[in-house]
Amino acid sequence: MSRKTVPVLQLLEYANRMLMRSDQYATREYKLGIICMLEDILHSTDNYAGFMFLDNNDSDTGTLGYYSRSYFYSAKMRKEAGGWMRHQPAMAQRMTRSSQ
């Protein structure tokens, strides 16, 4: 059986895109599954750096807005990705907020 690994950075990017979805299939349960998987991977690889809600005004525990979030890149991931990350939506939002 062949073995293939996927970079954690690639998984984080994909998960963040899925957590931004707002279509009829992006339910709380769907997003919770992504969050559980992603957080386990990030903690296991020492890459957890927190998250932000996509809309702070819609982030009450248990609501769809609570599960609509974007995870931050760890220092290791920022180093790995280099300048490419400045163009990613979550990083752009974070950098904009920190400069205000």
Protein backbone atom coordinates (compact mmCIF):
# COMPACT_ATOMS: atom_id res chain seq x y z
CA MET A 1 0.00 0.00 0.00
CA SER A 2 1.42 3.38 -0.95
CA ARG A 3 1.70 6.15 1.59
CA LYS A 4 1.18 9.81 0.84
CA THR A 5 1.42 12.77 3.17
CA VAL A 6 -0.28 16.12 2.82
CA PRO A 7 1.27 19.33 4.16
CA VAL A 8 -0.52 20.72 7.20
CA LEU A 9 -0.54 24.13 5.52
CA GLN A 10 -2.53 22.69 2.61
CA LEU A 11 -5.06 21.12 5.01
CA LEU A 12 -5.41 24.39 6.91
CA GLU A 13 -6.08 26.35 3.73
CA TYR A 14 -8.70 23.84 2.58
CA ALA A 15 -10.40 23.75 5.99
CA ASN A 16 -10.51 27.55 6.17
CA ARG A 17 -12.20 27.68 2.75
CA MET A 18 -14.77 25.09 3.84
CA LEU A 19 -15.48 26.97 7.09
CA MET A 20 -16.21 30.14 5.08
CA ARG A 21 -18.90 28.40 3.06
CA SER A 22 -22.48 29.60 3.46
CA ASP A 23 -24.37 27.28 1.11
CA GLN A 24 -27.15 24.96 2.24
CA TYR A 25 -24.77 22.05 2.83
CA ALA A 26 -22.41 24.00 5.13
CA THR A 27 -24.34 23.17 8.30
CA ARG A 28 -23.20 23.42 11.90
CA GLU A 29 -22.53 19.68 11.94
CA TYR A 30 -20.49 19.87 8.73
CA LYS A 31 -18.35 22.71 10.07
CA LEU A 32 -17.98 21.06 13.49
CA GLY A 33 -16.53 17.97 11.80
CA ILE A 34 -13.98 20.08 9.97
CA ILE A 35 -13.09 21.96 13.15
CA CYS A 36 -12.58 18.77 15.19
CA MET A 37 -10.35 17.23 12.53
CA LEU A 38 -8.35 20.41 11.92
CA GLU A 39 -7.77 21.22 15.59
CA ASP A 40 -6.53 17.68 16.23
CA ILE A 41 -4.08 17.95 13.32
CA LEU A 42 -2.90 21.43 14.34
CA HIS A 43 -2.37 20.46 18.00
CA SER A 44 -0.70 17.15 17.09
CA THR A 45 1.80 18.90 14.81
CA ASP A 46 2.37 21.86 17.17
CA ASN A 47 0.83 24.27 14.64
CA TYR A 48 -2.19 25.58 16.55
CA ALA A 49 -2.18 29.39 16.61
CA GLY A 50 -5.83 30.21 17.34
CA PHE A 51 -8.72 31.31 15.18
CA MET A 52 -11.03 34.23 14.51
CA PHE A 53 -14.76 34.28 13.91
CA LEU A 54 -15.74 35.42 10.44
CA ASP A 55 -18.35 37.69 12.04
CA ASN A 56 -17.95 38.59 15.71
CA ASN A 57 -21.57 39.75 15.81
CA ASP A 58 -22.71 36.24 14.85
CA SER A 59 -20.58 34.06 17.11
CA ASP A 60 -22.85 32.87 19.91
CA THR A 61 -21.95 29.36 21.04
CA GLY A 62 -23.76 26.68 19.08
CA THR A 63 -24.87 28.91 16.20
CA LEU A 64 -23.74 28.51 12.61
CA GLY A 65 -21.75 31.73 13.03
CA TYR A 66 -19.83 30.14 15.92
CA TYR A 67 -18.53 27.48 13.55
CA SER A 68 -17.81 29.95 10.75
CA ARG A 69 -14.21 30.80 11.50
CA SER A 70 -10.73 30.99 10.09
CA TYR A 71 -7.67 29.45 11.73
CA PHE A 72 -4.38 31.34 11.94
CA TYR A 73 -1.06 30.13 10.61
CA SER A 74 1.58 29.07 13.11
CA ALA A 75 5.05 30.61 13.00
CA LYS A 76 6.31 27.43 11.30
CA MET A 77 3.61 27.74 8.64
CA ARG A 78 4.33 31.42 8.03
CA LYS A 79 7.99 30.60 7.52
CA GLU A 80 7.13 27.71 5.20
CA ALA A 81 4.71 29.76 3.12
CA GLY A 82 6.77 32.95 3.00
CA GLY A 83 5.42 35.89 1.01
CA TRP A 84 2.62 33.78 -0.48
CA MET A 85 0.67 34.07 2.78
CA ARG A 86 0.24 37.83 2.64
CA HIS A 87 -2.31 37.23 -0.11
CA GLN A 88 -4.43 34.72 1.82
CA PRO A 89 -7.80 36.02 3.10
CA ALA A 90 -7.36 35.15 6.78
CA MET A 91 -3.87 36.61 6.95
CA ALA A 92 -4.91 39.75 5.09
CA GLN A 93 -7.77 40.30 7.58
CA ARG A 94 -5.48 39.70 10.54
CA MET A 95 -2.84 42.09 9.23
CA THR A 96 -5.46 44.77 8.53
CA ARG A 97 -6.88 44.49 12.05
CA SER A 98 -3.46 44.65 13.71
CA SER A 99 -2.51 47.82 11.86
CA GLN A 100 -5.64 49.71 12.94
